Amino acid sequence: MRLNYNTVVQPDLVVICDMTKIENGKHCLGTPDMIIEILSESTRGYDKVKKFNIYLEAGVREYWIVDPIERIVNVHIFKDGNYILKPYGDTDTISIHVLEGCMVNLAEVF
């Protein structure tokens, strides 16, 4: 996915609400509305620091970092140029900010 002309990333999951951002029916050009990264030992630091800053700078409206080992999800909501952190545990239900009325029950995920 190309966030701008210099930055290409490969997130685990992406939500794009504006279909005009879909290039050639398969590539996102521009900032998606939501990105979910699922941590692994090899990507943990990169996802939590480098990608966090890339997505913040790009203005991704909602960024989830899912830790399957710790069974937590850190939801970052973009507001006024910064992310507001909302942590969730494995029995919580998360309202998806960019998809009104859509919820994820983490007990079913983990």
N, C-alpha and C. Protein backbone atom coordinates (compact mmCIF):
# COMPACT_ATOMS: atom_id res chain seq x y z
N MET A 1 0.86 -1.16 0.00
CA MET A 1 0.00 0.00 0.00
C MET A 1 0.91 1.23 0.00
N ARG A 2 0.61 2.16 -0.86
CA ARG A 2 1.41 3.38 -0.98
C ARG A 2 0.70 4.52 -0.26
N LEU A 3 1.30 4.96 0.89
CA LEU A 3 0.72 6.07 1.66
C LEU A 3 1.00 7.41 0.99
N ASN A 4 2.16 7.52 0.40
CA ASN A 4 2.52 8.70 -0.38
C ASN A 4 3.54 8.24 -1.41
N TYR A 5 4.15 9.14 -2.12
CA TYR A 5 5.04 8.73 -3.19
C TYR A 5 6.34 8.11 -2.70
N ASN A 6 6.67 8.27 -1.42
CA ASN A 6 7.92 7.73 -0.88
C ASN A 6 7.73 6.60 0.11
N THR A 7 6.52 6.37 0.58
CA THR A 7 6.30 5.42 1.67
C THR A 7 5.36 4.30 1.24
N VAL A 8 5.88 3.08 1.25
CA VAL A 8 5.09 1.90 0.94
C VAL A 8 5.16 0.98 2.15
N VAL A 9 4.00 0.50 2.61
CA VAL A 9 3.92 -0.40 3.75
C VAL A 9 3.02 -1.57 3.41
N GLN A 10 3.13 -2.65 4.19
CA GLN A 10 2.27 -3.82 4.02
C GLN A 10 1.61 -4.16 5.35
N PRO A 11 0.51 -3.50 5.68
CA PRO A 11 -0.18 -3.81 6.94
C PRO A 11 -0.86 -5.17 6.85
N ASP A 12 -1.20 -5.71 8.03
CA ASP A 12 -1.90 -7.00 8.06
C ASP A 12 -3.34 -6.88 7.57
N LEU A 13 -4.06 -5.85 8.03
CA LEU A 13 -5.44 -5.61 7.60
C LEU A 13 -5.64 -4.12 7.37
N VAL A 14 -6.47 -3.79 6.39
CA VAL A 14 -6.72 -2.39 6.03
C VAL A 14 -8.21 -2.19 5.78
N VAL A 15 -8.73 -1.05 6.24
CA VAL A 15 -10.10 -0.65 5.93
C VAL A 15 -10.01 0.66 5.15
N ILE A 16 -10.62 0.66 3.97
CA ILE A 16 -10.64 1.85 3.12
C ILE A 16 -12.10 2.19 2.84
N CYS A 17 -12.55 3.31 3.38
CA CYS A 17 -13.96 3.72 3.23
C CYS A 17 -14.18 4.50 1.94
N ASP A 18 -13.16 5.14 1.43
CA ASP A 18 -13.25 5.96 0.22
C ASP A 18 -12.73 5.14 -0.97
N MET A 19 -13.65 4.60 -1.74
CA MET A 19 -13.28 3.71 -2.83
C MET A 19 -12.48 4.40 -3.94
N THR A 20 -12.47 5.73 -3.97
CA THR A 20 -11.66 6.42 -4.97
C THR A 20 -10.16 6.27 -4.69
N LYS A 21 -9.82 5.78 -3.50
CA LYS A 21 -8.41 5.53 -3.16
C LYS A 21 -7.91 4.19 -3.70
N ILE A 22 -8.81 3.38 -4.24
CA ILE A 22 -8.43 2.08 -4.78
C ILE A 22 -7.96 2.28 -6.22
N GLU A 23 -6.71 1.92 -6.46
CA GLU A 23 -6.08 2.10 -7.77
C GLU A 23 -6.08 0.75 -8.50
N ASN A 24 -6.55 0.74 -9.71
CA ASN A 24 -6.60 -0.47 -10.54
C ASN A 24 -7.37 -1.61 -9.88
N GLY A 25 -8.31 -1.27 -9.03
CA GLY A 25 -9.13 -2.27 -8.39
C GLY A 25 -8.45 -3.09 -7.32
N LYS A 26 -7.17 -2.81 -7.00
CA LYS A 26 -6.49 -3.64 -6.01
C LYS A 26 -5.46 -2.95 -5.13
N HIS A 27 -5.07 -1.75 -5.41
CA HIS A 27 -4.05 -1.06 -4.62
C HIS A 27 -4.62 0.21 -4.00
N CYS A 28 -4.25 0.46 -2.74
CA CYS A 28 -4.66 1.69 -2.08
C CYS A 28 -3.61 2.75 -2.33
N LEU A 29 -4.05 3.86 -2.84
CA LEU A 29 -3.17 5.01 -3.03
C LEU A 29 -3.67 6.11 -2.11
N GLY A 30 -2.90 6.41 -1.10
CA GLY A 30 -3.31 7.39 -0.10
C GLY A 30 -3.52 6.73 1.25
N THR A 31 -4.08 7.47 2.16
CA THR A 31 -4.21 7.02 3.54
C THR A 31 -5.50 6.22 3.74
N PRO A 32 -5.38 4.98 4.20
CA PRO A 32 -6.59 4.22 4.53
C PRO A 32 -7.22 4.76 5.81
N ASP A 33 -8.44 4.36 6.06
CA ASP A 33 -9.14 4.84 7.26
C ASP A 33 -8.72 4.08 8.51
N MET A 34 -8.38 2.81 8.34
CA MET A 34 -8.03 1.98 9.49
C MET A 34 -6.98 0.97 9.09
N ILE A 35 -6.03 0.73 10.00
CA ILE A 35 -5.01 -0.29 9.79
C ILE A 35 -4.93 -1.14 11.05
N ILE A 36 -4.80 -2.45 10.84
CA ILE A 36 -4.59 -3.37 11.96
C ILE A 36 -3.28 -4.11 11.72
N GLU A 37 -2.40 -4.06 12.71
CA GLU A 37 -1.16 -4.82 12.68
C GLU A 37 -1.23 -5.87 13.78
N ILE A 38 -0.90 -7.11 13.44
CA ILE A 38 -0.87 -8.21 14.40
C ILE A 38 0.59 -8.49 14.71
N LEU A 39 0.95 -8.30 15.97
CA LEU A 39 2.35 -8.42 16.36
C LEU A 39 2.85 -9.86 16.28
N SER A 40 4.10 -9.98 15.87
CA SER A 40 4.83 -11.24 15.96
C SER A 40 6.19 -10.89 16.52
N GLU A 41 6.95 -11.89 16.91
CA GLU A 41 8.27 -11.61 17.48
C GLU A 41 9.13 -10.82 16.50
N SER A 42 9.03 -11.12 15.21
CA SER A 42 9.89 -10.46 14.23
C SER A 42 9.43 -9.05 13.86
N THR A 43 8.15 -8.71 14.11
CA THR A 43 7.63 -7.39 13.71
C THR A 43 7.27 -6.49 14.89
N ARG A 44 7.35 -7.01 16.10
CA ARG A 44 6.89 -6.29 17.29
C ARG A 44 7.41 -4.85 17.36
N GLY A 45 8.70 -4.66 17.36
CA GLY A 45 9.28 -3.32 17.48
C GLY A 45 8.95 -2.44 16.30
N TYR A 46 9.00 -3.01 15.10
CA TYR A 46 8.72 -2.25 13.88
C TYR A 46 7.29 -1.74 13.86
N ASP A 47 6.33 -2.61 14.23
CA ASP A 47 4.92 -2.23 14.22
C ASP A 47 4.60 -1.20 15.30
N LYS A 48 5.21 -1.34 16.48
CA LYS A 48 4.88 -0.47 17.61
C LYS A 48 5.58 0.89 17.55
N VAL A 49 6.67 0.98 16.81
CA VAL A 49 7.40 2.25 16.76
C VAL A 49 7.43 2.82 15.34
N LYS A 50 8.09 2.14 14.43
CA LYS A 50 8.28 2.67 13.07
C LYS A 50 6.94 2.85 12.34
N LYS A 51 6.14 1.78 12.29
CA LYS A 51 4.86 1.88 11.59
C LYS A 51 3.91 2.82 12.32
N PHE A 52 3.94 2.80 13.64
CA PHE A 52 3.13 3.74 14.42
C PHE A 52 3.38 5.16 13.94
N ASN A 53 4.64 5.55 13.84
CA ASN A 53 4.98 6.91 13.42
C ASN A 53 4.64 7.17 11.96
N ILE A 54 4.81 6.17 11.11
CA ILE A 54 4.43 6.31 9.69
C ILE A 54 2.93 6.56 9.58
N TYR A 55 2.13 5.76 10.30
CA TYR A 55 0.68 5.90 10.22
C TYR A 55 0.19 7.20 10.86
N LEU A 56 0.85 7.61 11.93
CA LEU A 56 0.51 8.89 12.56
C LEU A 56 0.77 10.03 11.59
N GLU A 57 1.93 10.04 10.98
CA GLU A 57 2.28 11.10 10.03
C GLU A 57 1.34 11.11 8.82
N ALA A 58 0.90 9.93 8.40
CA ALA A 58 0.00 9.83 7.25
C ALA A 58 -1.44 10.21 7.61
N GLY A 59 -1.77 10.22 8.91
CA GLY A 59 -3.12 10.57 9.34
C GLY A 59 -4.11 9.42 9.29
N VAL A 60 -3.62 8.17 9.47
CA VAL A 60 -4.52 7.02 9.53
C VAL A 60 -5.45 7.25 10.71
N ARG A 61 -6.76 7.22 10.45
CA ARG A 61 -7.74 7.59 11.47
C ARG A 61 -7.83 6.62 12.64
N GLU A 62 -7.56 5.35 12.38
CA GLU A 62 -7.65 4.35 13.44
C GLU A 62 -6.58 3.28 13.19
N TYR A 63 -5.75 3.05 14.20
CA TYR A 63 -4.65 2.08 14.09
C TYR A 63 -4.72 1.13 15.27
N TRP A 64 -4.91 -0.16 14.97
CA TRP A 64 -4.96 -1.17 16.01
C TRP A 64 -3.65 -1.94 16.01
N ILE A 65 -3.12 -2.17 17.21
CA ILE A 65 -1.97 -3.06 17.37
C ILE A 65 -2.46 -4.23 18.22
N VAL A 66 -2.52 -5.40 17.58
CA VAL A 66 -3.04 -6.60 18.24
C VAL A 66 -1.87 -7.44 18.72
N ASP A 67 -1.87 -7.75 20.01
CA ASP A 67 -0.84 -8.60 20.59
C ASP A 67 -1.47 -9.93 20.98
N PRO A 68 -1.32 -10.96 20.13
CA PRO A 68 -1.97 -12.24 20.41
C PRO A 68 -1.38 -12.99 21.61
N ILE A 69 -0.14 -12.70 21.96
CA ILE A 69 0.46 -13.36 23.11
C ILE A 69 -0.08 -12.76 24.41
N GLU A 70 -0.09 -11.43 24.50
CA GLU A 70 -0.61 -10.74 25.68
C GLU A 70 -2.14 -10.67 25.69
N ARG A 71 -2.74 -10.95 24.53
CA ARG A 71 -4.20 -10.92 24.37
C ARG A 71 -4.78 -9.54 24.66
N ILE A 72 -4.13 -8.53 24.07
CA ILE A 72 -4.60 -7.15 24.18
C ILE A 72 -4.62 -6.50 22.81
N VAL A 73 -5.43 -5.47 22.69
CA VAL A 73 -5.48 -4.65 21.48
C VAL A 73 -5.35 -3.20 21.91
N ASN A 74 -4.35 -2.53 21.39
CA ASN A 74 -4.20 -1.10 21.62
C ASN A 74 -4.77 -0.37 20.41
N VAL A 75 -5.83 0.37 20.65
CA VAL A 75 -6.50 1.12 19.59
C VAL A 75 -6.04 2.57 19.67
N HIS A 76 -5.56 3.07 18.55
CA HIS A 76 -5.10 4.46 18.47
C HIS A 76 -6.05 5.22 17.55
N ILE A 77 -6.69 6.24 18.10
CA ILE A 77 -7.63 7.07 17.35
C ILE A 77 -6.95 8.40 17.04
N PHE A 78 -6.93 8.77 15.76
CA PHE A 78 -6.28 10.01 15.32
C PHE A 78 -7.17 11.21 15.65
N LYS A 79 -6.60 12.15 16.39
CA LYS A 79 -7.34 13.37 16.72
C LYS A 79 -6.35 14.52 16.89
N ASP A 80 -6.59 15.59 16.18
CA ASP A 80 -5.77 16.81 16.28
C ASP A 80 -4.27 16.53 16.10
N GLY A 81 -3.95 15.68 15.14
CA GLY A 81 -2.55 15.42 14.81
C GLY A 81 -1.84 14.42 15.70
N ASN A 82 -2.55 13.81 16.64
CA ASN A 82 -1.96 12.81 17.53
C ASN A 82 -2.89 11.62 17.67
N TYR A 83 -2.36 10.55 18.24
CA TYR A 83 -3.18 9.39 18.54
C TYR A 83 -3.59 9.40 20.00
N ILE A 84 -4.84 9.05 20.24
CA ILE A 84 -5.36 8.83 21.58
C ILE A 84 -5.43 7.31 21.75
N LEU A 85 -4.77 6.80 22.78
CA LEU A 85 -4.70 5.36 23.03
C LEU A 85 -5.88 4.89 23.85
N LYS A 86 -6.48 3.79 23.37
CA LYS A 86 -7.53 3.11 24.13
C LYS A 86 -7.16 1.63 24.16
N PRO A 87 -6.67 1.14 25.32
CA PRO A 87 -6.30 -0.28 25.41
C PRO A 87 -7.51 -1.16 25.74
N TYR A 88 -7.51 -2.37 25.19
CA TYR A 88 -8.60 -3.32 25.41
C TYR A 88 -8.03 -4.69 25.76
N GLY A 89 -8.72 -5.40 26.65
CA GLY A 89 -8.33 -6.75 27.04
C GLY A 89 -9.11 -7.80 26.28
N ASP A 90 -8.79 -9.05 26.55
CA ASP A 90 -9.33 -10.17 25.76
C ASP A 90 -10.81 -10.47 25.96
N THR A 91 -11.47 -9.79 26.88
CA THR A 91 -12.92 -10.00 27.04
C THR A 91 -13.73 -8.75 26.69
N ASP A 92 -13.03 -7.71 26.24
CA ASP A 92 -13.71 -6.45 25.90
C ASP A 92 -14.33 -6.51 24.50
N THR A 93 -15.23 -5.57 24.26
CA THR A 93 -15.80 -5.36 22.94
C THR A 93 -15.38 -3.98 22.47
N ILE A 94 -14.88 -3.91 21.24
CA ILE A 94 -14.37 -2.66 20.68
C ILE A 94 -15.33 -2.14 19.62
N SER A 95 -15.71 -0.88 19.74
CA SER A 95 -16.45 -0.20 18.67
C SER A 95 -15.44 0.31 17.66
N ILE A 96 -15.64 -0.04 16.41
CA ILE A 96 -14.72 0.44 15.37
C ILE A 96 -15.10 1.88 15.04
N HIS A 97 -14.18 2.77 15.29
CA HIS A 97 -14.41 4.21 15.15
C HIS A 97 -14.80 4.61 13.73
N VAL A 98 -14.15 4.02 12.73
CA VAL A 98 -14.38 4.44 11.34
C VAL A 98 -15.56 3.72 10.70
N LEU A 99 -16.12 2.72 11.37
CA LEU A 99 -17.27 1.98 10.85
C LEU A 99 -18.39 2.01 11.89
N GLU A 100 -19.17 3.04 11.82
CA GLU A 100 -20.23 3.26 12.81
C GLU A 100 -21.12 2.02 12.94
N GLY A 101 -21.33 1.60 14.18
CA GLY A 101 -22.19 0.46 14.46
C GLY A 101 -21.49 -0.89 14.38
N CYS A 102 -20.25 -0.92 13.95
CA CYS A 102 -19.50 -2.17 13.84
C CYS A 102 -18.69 -2.39 15.12
N MET A 103 -18.80 -3.60 15.67
CA MET A 103 -18.11 -3.91 16.92
C MET A 103 -17.39 -5.24 16.79
N VAL A 104 -16.31 -5.38 17.57
CA VAL A 104 -15.55 -6.62 17.61
C VAL A 104 -15.49 -7.11 19.05
N ASN A 105 -15.97 -8.32 19.27
CA ASN A 105 -15.92 -8.95 20.58
C ASN A 105 -14.60 -9.72 20.67
N LEU A 106 -13.69 -9.23 21.51
CA LEU A 106 -12.36 -9.83 21.59
C LEU A 106 -12.39 -11.24 22.17
N ALA A 107 -13.40 -11.59 22.95
CA ALA A 107 -13.52 -12.96 23.45
C ALA A 107 -13.65 -13.93 22.27
N GLU A 108 -14.27 -13.49 21.19
CA GLU A 108 -14.41 -14.33 20.01
C GLU A 108 -13.14 -14.34 19.16
N VAL A 109 -12.35 -13.29 19.26
CA VAL A 109 -11.10 -13.19 18.48
C VAL A 109 -10.00 -14.03 19.13
N PHE A 110 -9.85 -13.87 20.45
CA PHE A 110 -8.77 -14.57 21.15
C PHE A 110 -9.22 -15.93 21.62
